Amino acid sequence: MGFGKNLGIQLYVEDVAKEKEFYRTIGFEIIEEAEMMGYDYVTMKTCSEANVLFTLYASDFIRQVSPEVIDMKPSILFETEDIVALHEKVAEVTDDCSQISLQPFKNFNFGTPSGMHFAVKEP
């Protein structure tokens, strides 16, 4: 038996509530909000049909339970069918949003409140 079709990505952030609101505002669907060992965490998807879950964990929690992974940063490339509309939505909630570039393909990147950077492309 191999890996399953679903994928979970863990993001370590300083302020779970602030990050949750950021992702909700740009269109993510919040799946679960809970607490573990006194720390809040949030699980979300880009849309209801997505097979990828993103879970926001407090950095302080990760420093306690898995300090060896705290400095790991993912490199994630999202896709969208309407890059102009998504770019406008993201640019409304962060000053850290690039212009849309056409090279090497139609794309832009943005930063979150915790300073993580992600890219978005149009297929």
N, C-alpha and C. Protein backbone atom coordinates (compact mmCIF):
# COMPACT_ATOMS: atom_id res chain seq x y z
N MET A 1 0.84 -1.18 0.00
CA MET A 1 0.00 0.00 0.00
C MET A 1 0.88 1.23 0.00
N GLY A 2 0.49 2.24 -0.78
CA GLY A 2 1.27 3.47 -0.90
C GLY A 2 0.57 4.65 -0.24
N PHE A 3 0.98 5.83 -0.62
CA PHE A 3 0.38 7.04 -0.09
C PHE A 3 -1.04 7.19 -0.61
N GLY A 4 -1.89 7.84 0.17
CA GLY A 4 -3.28 8.09 -0.22
C GLY A 4 -3.41 9.31 -1.10
N LYS A 5 -4.63 9.61 -1.55
CA LYS A 5 -4.87 10.72 -2.47
C LYS A 5 -4.91 12.07 -1.78
N ASN A 6 -5.11 12.09 -0.48
CA ASN A 6 -5.20 13.35 0.25
C ASN A 6 -3.84 13.77 0.77
N LEU A 7 -3.66 15.06 0.95
CA LEU A 7 -2.39 15.61 1.40
C LEU A 7 -2.67 16.67 2.45
N GLY A 8 -1.88 16.68 3.51
CA GLY A 8 -1.98 17.70 4.53
C GLY A 8 -0.68 18.48 4.63
N ILE A 9 -0.80 19.79 4.69
CA ILE A 9 0.36 20.67 4.82
C ILE A 9 0.22 21.43 6.12
N GLN A 10 1.26 21.40 6.95
CA GLN A 10 1.25 22.08 8.24
C GLN A 10 2.02 23.39 8.12
N LEU A 11 1.40 24.46 8.54
CA LEU A 11 2.03 25.78 8.51
C LEU A 11 2.19 26.25 9.94
N TYR A 12 3.39 26.69 10.31
CA TYR A 12 3.69 27.10 11.67
C TYR A 12 3.69 28.63 11.72
N VAL A 13 2.79 29.20 12.52
CA VAL A 13 2.57 30.64 12.51
C VAL A 13 2.63 31.21 13.93
N GLU A 14 2.90 32.49 14.02
CA GLU A 14 2.98 33.14 15.32
C GLU A 14 1.60 33.44 15.89
N ASP A 15 0.61 33.74 15.05
CA ASP A 15 -0.71 34.13 15.52
C ASP A 15 -1.77 33.38 14.70
N VAL A 16 -2.25 32.27 15.23
CA VAL A 16 -3.20 31.42 14.51
C VAL A 16 -4.47 32.19 14.13
N ALA A 17 -5.00 32.98 15.04
CA ALA A 17 -6.25 33.72 14.78
C ALA A 17 -6.07 34.71 13.63
N LYS A 18 -4.97 35.43 13.62
CA LYS A 18 -4.70 36.41 12.57
C LYS A 18 -4.53 35.72 11.22
N GLU A 19 -3.80 34.62 11.20
CA GLU A 19 -3.62 33.86 9.96
C GLU A 19 -4.95 33.29 9.47
N LYS A 20 -5.75 32.74 10.39
CA LYS A 20 -7.05 32.18 10.02
C LYS A 20 -7.90 33.24 9.32
N GLU A 21 -7.94 34.42 9.88
CA GLU A 21 -8.74 35.49 9.28
C GLU A 21 -8.20 35.88 7.91
N PHE A 22 -6.89 35.91 7.76
CA PHE A 22 -6.27 36.22 6.46
C PHE A 22 -6.71 35.19 5.42
N TYR A 23 -6.54 33.91 5.73
CA TYR A 23 -6.89 32.87 4.76
C TYR A 23 -8.39 32.84 4.47
N ARG A 24 -9.21 33.05 5.49
CA ARG A 24 -10.66 33.09 5.28
C ARG A 24 -11.02 34.24 4.33
N THR A 25 -10.40 35.38 4.53
CA THR A 25 -10.68 36.56 3.71
C THR A 25 -10.31 36.34 2.24
N ILE A 26 -9.24 35.59 1.98
CA ILE A 26 -8.87 35.35 0.58
C ILE A 26 -9.56 34.14 -0.02
N GLY A 27 -10.48 33.52 0.72
CA GLY A 27 -11.33 32.50 0.14
C GLY A 27 -11.16 31.07 0.61
N PHE A 28 -10.27 30.81 1.56
CA PHE A 28 -10.13 29.45 2.07
C PHE A 28 -11.36 29.06 2.87
N GLU A 29 -11.68 27.77 2.88
CA GLU A 29 -12.80 27.23 3.64
C GLU A 29 -12.25 26.64 4.94
N ILE A 30 -12.74 27.14 6.08
CA ILE A 30 -12.30 26.63 7.37
C ILE A 30 -13.05 25.32 7.64
N ILE A 31 -12.30 24.24 7.87
CA ILE A 31 -12.86 22.91 8.08
C ILE A 31 -13.00 22.59 9.56
N GLU A 32 -12.00 22.99 10.34
CA GLU A 32 -12.00 22.66 11.76
C GLU A 32 -11.22 23.71 12.54
N GLU A 33 -11.73 24.03 13.71
CA GLU A 33 -11.02 24.88 14.66
C GLU A 33 -11.04 24.13 15.99
N ALA A 34 -9.87 23.94 16.58
CA ALA A 34 -9.81 23.17 17.82
C ALA A 34 -8.60 23.62 18.64
N GLU A 35 -8.40 22.93 19.75
CA GLU A 35 -7.30 23.22 20.65
C GLU A 35 -6.56 21.93 20.98
N MET A 36 -5.25 22.04 21.08
CA MET A 36 -4.42 20.89 21.46
C MET A 36 -3.36 21.39 22.42
N MET A 37 -3.30 20.80 23.61
CA MET A 37 -2.32 21.16 24.62
C MET A 37 -2.32 22.66 24.92
N GLY A 38 -3.50 23.28 24.88
CA GLY A 38 -3.62 24.69 25.19
C GLY A 38 -3.38 25.63 24.03
N TYR A 39 -3.15 25.10 22.84
CA TYR A 39 -2.90 25.92 21.66
C TYR A 39 -4.00 25.69 20.62
N ASP A 40 -4.48 26.79 20.03
CA ASP A 40 -5.47 26.69 18.96
C ASP A 40 -4.80 26.20 17.68
N TYR A 41 -5.58 25.47 16.89
CA TYR A 41 -5.14 25.14 15.54
C TYR A 41 -6.35 25.20 14.62
N VAL A 42 -6.10 25.40 13.34
CA VAL A 42 -7.15 25.56 12.34
C VAL A 42 -6.79 24.73 11.12
N THR A 43 -7.77 23.96 10.63
CA THR A 43 -7.59 23.19 9.40
C THR A 43 -8.50 23.80 8.33
N MET A 44 -7.98 23.93 7.12
CA MET A 44 -8.72 24.60 6.05
C MET A 44 -8.36 24.02 4.69
N LYS A 45 -9.16 24.37 3.69
CA LYS A 45 -8.96 23.96 2.30
C LYS A 45 -9.06 25.19 1.41
N THR A 46 -8.47 25.09 0.23
CA THR A 46 -8.61 26.18 -0.74
C THR A 46 -10.04 26.27 -1.25
N CYS A 47 -10.73 25.13 -1.37
CA CYS A 47 -12.13 25.08 -1.78
C CYS A 47 -12.69 23.73 -1.34
N SER A 48 -14.00 23.57 -1.37
CA SER A 48 -14.60 22.35 -0.82
C SER A 48 -14.20 21.09 -1.57
N GLU A 49 -13.83 21.19 -2.85
CA GLU A 49 -13.45 20.01 -3.63
C GLU A 49 -11.97 19.63 -3.47
N ALA A 50 -11.19 20.45 -2.81
CA ALA A 50 -9.74 20.22 -2.69
C ALA A 50 -9.42 18.97 -1.88
N ASN A 51 -8.36 18.28 -2.25
CA ASN A 51 -7.86 17.13 -1.52
C ASN A 51 -6.67 17.48 -0.63
N VAL A 52 -6.35 18.75 -0.57
CA VAL A 52 -5.22 19.20 0.25
C VAL A 52 -5.77 19.99 1.43
N LEU A 53 -5.35 19.60 2.63
CA LEU A 53 -5.71 20.31 3.84
C LEU A 53 -4.50 21.10 4.34
N PHE A 54 -4.74 22.32 4.79
CA PHE A 54 -3.71 23.14 5.40
C PHE A 54 -4.08 23.29 6.87
N THR A 55 -3.12 23.01 7.76
CA THR A 55 -3.38 23.18 9.18
C THR A 55 -2.42 24.21 9.73
N LEU A 56 -2.98 25.22 10.39
CA LEU A 56 -2.19 26.26 11.03
C LEU A 56 -1.94 25.87 12.47
N TYR A 57 -0.67 25.78 12.85
CA TYR A 57 -0.30 25.49 14.23
C TYR A 57 0.51 26.66 14.77
N ALA A 58 0.35 26.95 16.04
CA ALA A 58 1.14 27.99 16.69
C ALA A 58 2.61 27.56 16.74
N SER A 59 3.49 28.46 16.38
CA SER A 59 4.93 28.16 16.40
C SER A 59 5.38 27.71 17.79
N ASP A 60 4.85 28.33 18.85
CA ASP A 60 5.23 27.94 20.21
C ASP A 60 4.86 26.49 20.50
N PHE A 61 3.73 26.04 19.99
CA PHE A 61 3.32 24.64 20.16
C PHE A 61 4.31 23.71 19.46
N ILE A 62 4.67 24.03 18.23
CA ILE A 62 5.60 23.19 17.46
C ILE A 62 6.98 23.17 18.12
N ARG A 63 7.40 24.30 18.67
CA ARG A 63 8.69 24.33 19.38
C ARG A 63 8.71 23.34 20.54
N GLN A 64 7.55 23.12 21.15
CA GLN A 64 7.46 22.18 22.27
C GLN A 64 7.42 20.72 21.81
N VAL A 65 6.63 20.43 20.78
CA VAL A 65 6.40 19.04 20.41
C VAL A 65 7.30 18.53 19.28
N SER A 66 7.78 19.41 18.41
CA SER A 66 8.63 18.99 17.28
C SER A 66 9.62 20.10 16.92
N PRO A 67 10.52 20.45 17.81
CA PRO A 67 11.41 21.58 17.54
C PRO A 67 12.29 21.39 16.30
N GLU A 68 12.48 20.16 15.89
CA GLU A 68 13.33 19.91 14.71
C GLU A 68 12.71 20.39 13.41
N VAL A 69 11.39 20.67 13.39
CA VAL A 69 10.75 21.09 12.14
C VAL A 69 10.32 22.55 12.13
N ILE A 70 10.53 23.28 13.20
CA ILE A 70 10.01 24.64 13.31
C ILE A 70 10.49 25.56 12.20
N ASP A 71 11.68 25.40 11.71
CA ASP A 71 12.20 26.30 10.68
C ASP A 71 11.90 25.85 9.25
N MET A 72 11.18 24.76 9.09
CA MET A 72 10.83 24.30 7.75
C MET A 72 9.76 25.21 7.16
N LYS A 73 9.98 25.63 5.93
CA LYS A 73 9.02 26.48 5.23
C LYS A 73 8.64 25.79 3.92
N PRO A 74 7.35 25.65 3.68
CA PRO A 74 6.95 25.01 2.42
C PRO A 74 7.07 25.97 1.24
N SER A 75 7.21 25.42 0.07
CA SER A 75 7.14 26.18 -1.17
C SER A 75 5.91 25.68 -1.90
N ILE A 76 4.88 26.49 -1.89
CA ILE A 76 3.59 26.05 -2.41
C ILE A 76 3.18 26.92 -3.58
N LEU A 77 2.69 26.27 -4.64
CA LEU A 77 2.18 26.95 -5.82
C LEU A 77 0.71 26.61 -5.95
N PHE A 78 -0.15 27.61 -5.73
CA PHE A 78 -1.59 27.41 -5.90
C PHE A 78 -1.96 27.63 -7.36
N GLU A 79 -3.11 27.10 -7.77
CA GLU A 79 -3.65 27.35 -9.10
C GLU A 79 -5.01 28.01 -8.98
N THR A 80 -5.36 28.83 -9.97
CA THR A 80 -6.66 29.47 -10.02
C THR A 80 -7.10 29.62 -11.47
N GLU A 81 -8.38 29.55 -11.70
CA GLU A 81 -8.93 29.74 -13.04
C GLU A 81 -9.08 31.22 -13.37
N ASP A 82 -9.09 32.10 -12.35
CA ASP A 82 -9.26 33.54 -12.56
C ASP A 82 -8.21 34.28 -11.75
N ILE A 83 -7.03 34.39 -12.32
CA ILE A 83 -5.89 34.97 -11.59
C ILE A 83 -6.10 36.45 -11.28
N VAL A 84 -6.78 37.17 -12.17
CA VAL A 84 -7.00 38.60 -11.94
C VAL A 84 -7.90 38.82 -10.72
N ALA A 85 -9.00 38.08 -10.63
CA ALA A 85 -9.92 38.22 -9.50
C ALA A 85 -9.25 37.82 -8.18
N LEU A 86 -8.50 36.70 -8.19
CA LEU A 86 -7.83 36.27 -6.96
C LEU A 86 -6.75 37.26 -6.57
N HIS A 87 -6.01 37.78 -7.54
CA HIS A 87 -4.98 38.78 -7.26
C HIS A 87 -5.60 40.00 -6.57
N GLU A 88 -6.73 40.47 -7.07
CA GLU A 88 -7.41 41.62 -6.46
C GLU A 88 -7.82 41.32 -5.03
N LYS A 89 -8.35 40.12 -4.80
CA LYS A 89 -8.80 39.72 -3.46
C LYS A 89 -7.62 39.68 -2.48
N VAL A 90 -6.52 39.07 -2.90
CA VAL A 90 -5.34 38.96 -2.02
C VAL A 90 -4.72 40.34 -1.78
N ALA A 91 -4.61 41.15 -2.82
CA ALA A 91 -3.99 42.47 -2.69
C ALA A 91 -4.77 43.38 -1.75
N GLU A 92 -6.06 43.12 -1.57
CA GLU A 92 -6.87 43.92 -0.64
C GLU A 92 -6.49 43.68 0.82
N VAL A 93 -5.92 42.52 1.14
CA VAL A 93 -5.65 42.19 2.54
C VAL A 93 -4.18 42.10 2.90
N THR A 94 -3.29 42.31 1.93
CA THR A 94 -1.86 42.32 2.24
C THR A 94 -1.14 43.30 1.34
N ASP A 95 -0.17 44.00 1.92
CA ASP A 95 0.68 44.88 1.11
C ASP A 95 1.79 44.09 0.43
N ASP A 96 1.93 42.83 0.80
CA ASP A 96 2.99 41.97 0.28
C ASP A 96 2.42 41.08 -0.84
N CYS A 97 2.07 41.72 -1.95
CA CYS A 97 1.48 41.01 -3.09
C CYS A 97 2.11 41.57 -4.37
N SER A 98 2.74 40.71 -5.15
CA SER A 98 3.39 41.16 -6.38
C SER A 98 2.35 41.48 -7.45
N GLN A 99 2.81 42.10 -8.49
CA GLN A 99 1.99 42.29 -9.68
C GLN A 99 1.88 40.94 -10.40
N ILE A 100 0.92 40.82 -11.29
CA ILE A 100 0.80 39.60 -12.11
C ILE A 100 1.90 39.64 -13.16
N SER A 101 2.64 38.57 -13.26
CA SER A 101 3.71 38.42 -14.24
C SER A 101 3.28 37.41 -15.30
N LEU A 102 3.78 37.59 -16.50
CA LEU A 102 3.47 36.65 -17.58
C LEU A 102 4.56 35.63 -17.80
N GLN A 103 5.72 35.79 -17.13
CA GLN A 103 6.84 34.89 -17.32
C GLN A 103 7.19 34.16 -16.04
N PRO A 104 7.48 32.90 -16.02
CA PRO A 104 7.47 31.97 -17.15
C PRO A 104 6.07 31.52 -17.54
N PHE A 105 5.08 31.90 -16.71
CA PHE A 105 3.66 31.66 -16.97
C PHE A 105 2.91 32.72 -16.17
N LYS A 106 1.64 32.90 -16.39
CA LYS A 106 0.86 33.91 -15.67
C LYS A 106 0.84 33.57 -14.19
N ASN A 107 1.39 34.48 -13.34
CA ASN A 107 1.54 34.18 -11.92
C ASN A 107 1.68 35.44 -11.08
N PHE A 108 1.52 35.28 -9.78
CA PHE A 108 1.88 36.30 -8.80
C PHE A 108 2.24 35.60 -7.50
N ASN A 109 2.84 36.34 -6.57
CA ASN A 109 3.14 35.77 -5.26
C ASN A 109 2.68 36.73 -4.18
N PHE A 110 2.52 36.18 -2.97
CA PHE A 110 2.05 37.00 -1.87
C PHE A 110 2.61 36.48 -0.56
N GLY A 111 2.64 37.37 0.43
CA GLY A 111 3.09 37.01 1.77
C GLY A 111 1.92 37.03 2.74
N THR A 112 1.99 36.18 3.75
CA THR A 112 0.95 36.10 4.78
C THR A 112 1.36 36.96 5.97
N PRO A 113 0.48 37.12 6.95
CA PRO A 113 0.86 37.90 8.14
C PRO A 113 2.11 37.36 8.85
N SER A 114 2.36 36.05 8.77
CA SER A 114 3.56 35.49 9.41
C SER A 114 4.80 35.57 8.52
N GLY A 115 4.65 36.12 7.32
CA GLY A 115 5.80 36.28 6.43
C GLY A 115 6.09 35.09 5.52
N MET A 116 5.18 34.12 5.46
CA MET A 116 5.36 33.04 4.49
C MET A 116 4.98 33.55 3.12
N HIS A 117 5.65 33.06 2.10
CA HIS A 117 5.37 33.49 0.73
C HIS A 117 4.90 32.31 -0.11
N PHE A 118 3.86 32.57 -0.90
CA PHE A 118 3.30 31.56 -1.78
C PHE A 118 3.12 32.14 -3.17
N ALA A 119 3.06 31.25 -4.15
CA ALA A 119 2.86 31.67 -5.54
C ALA A 119 1.51 31.15 -6.02
N VAL A 120 0.96 31.84 -7.02
CA VAL A 120 -0.31 31.46 -7.63
C VAL A 120 -0.11 31.52 -9.13
N LYS A 121 -0.62 30.51 -9.84
CA LYS A 121 -0.54 30.54 -11.31
C LYS A 121 -1.90 30.19 -11.91
N GLU A 122 -2.03 30.59 -13.14
CA GLU A 122 -3.22 30.23 -13.90
C GLU A 122 -2.82 29.09 -14.83
N PRO A 123 -3.59 28.00 -14.83
CA PRO A 123 -3.19 26.85 -15.67
C PRO A 123 -3.23 27.17 -17.16
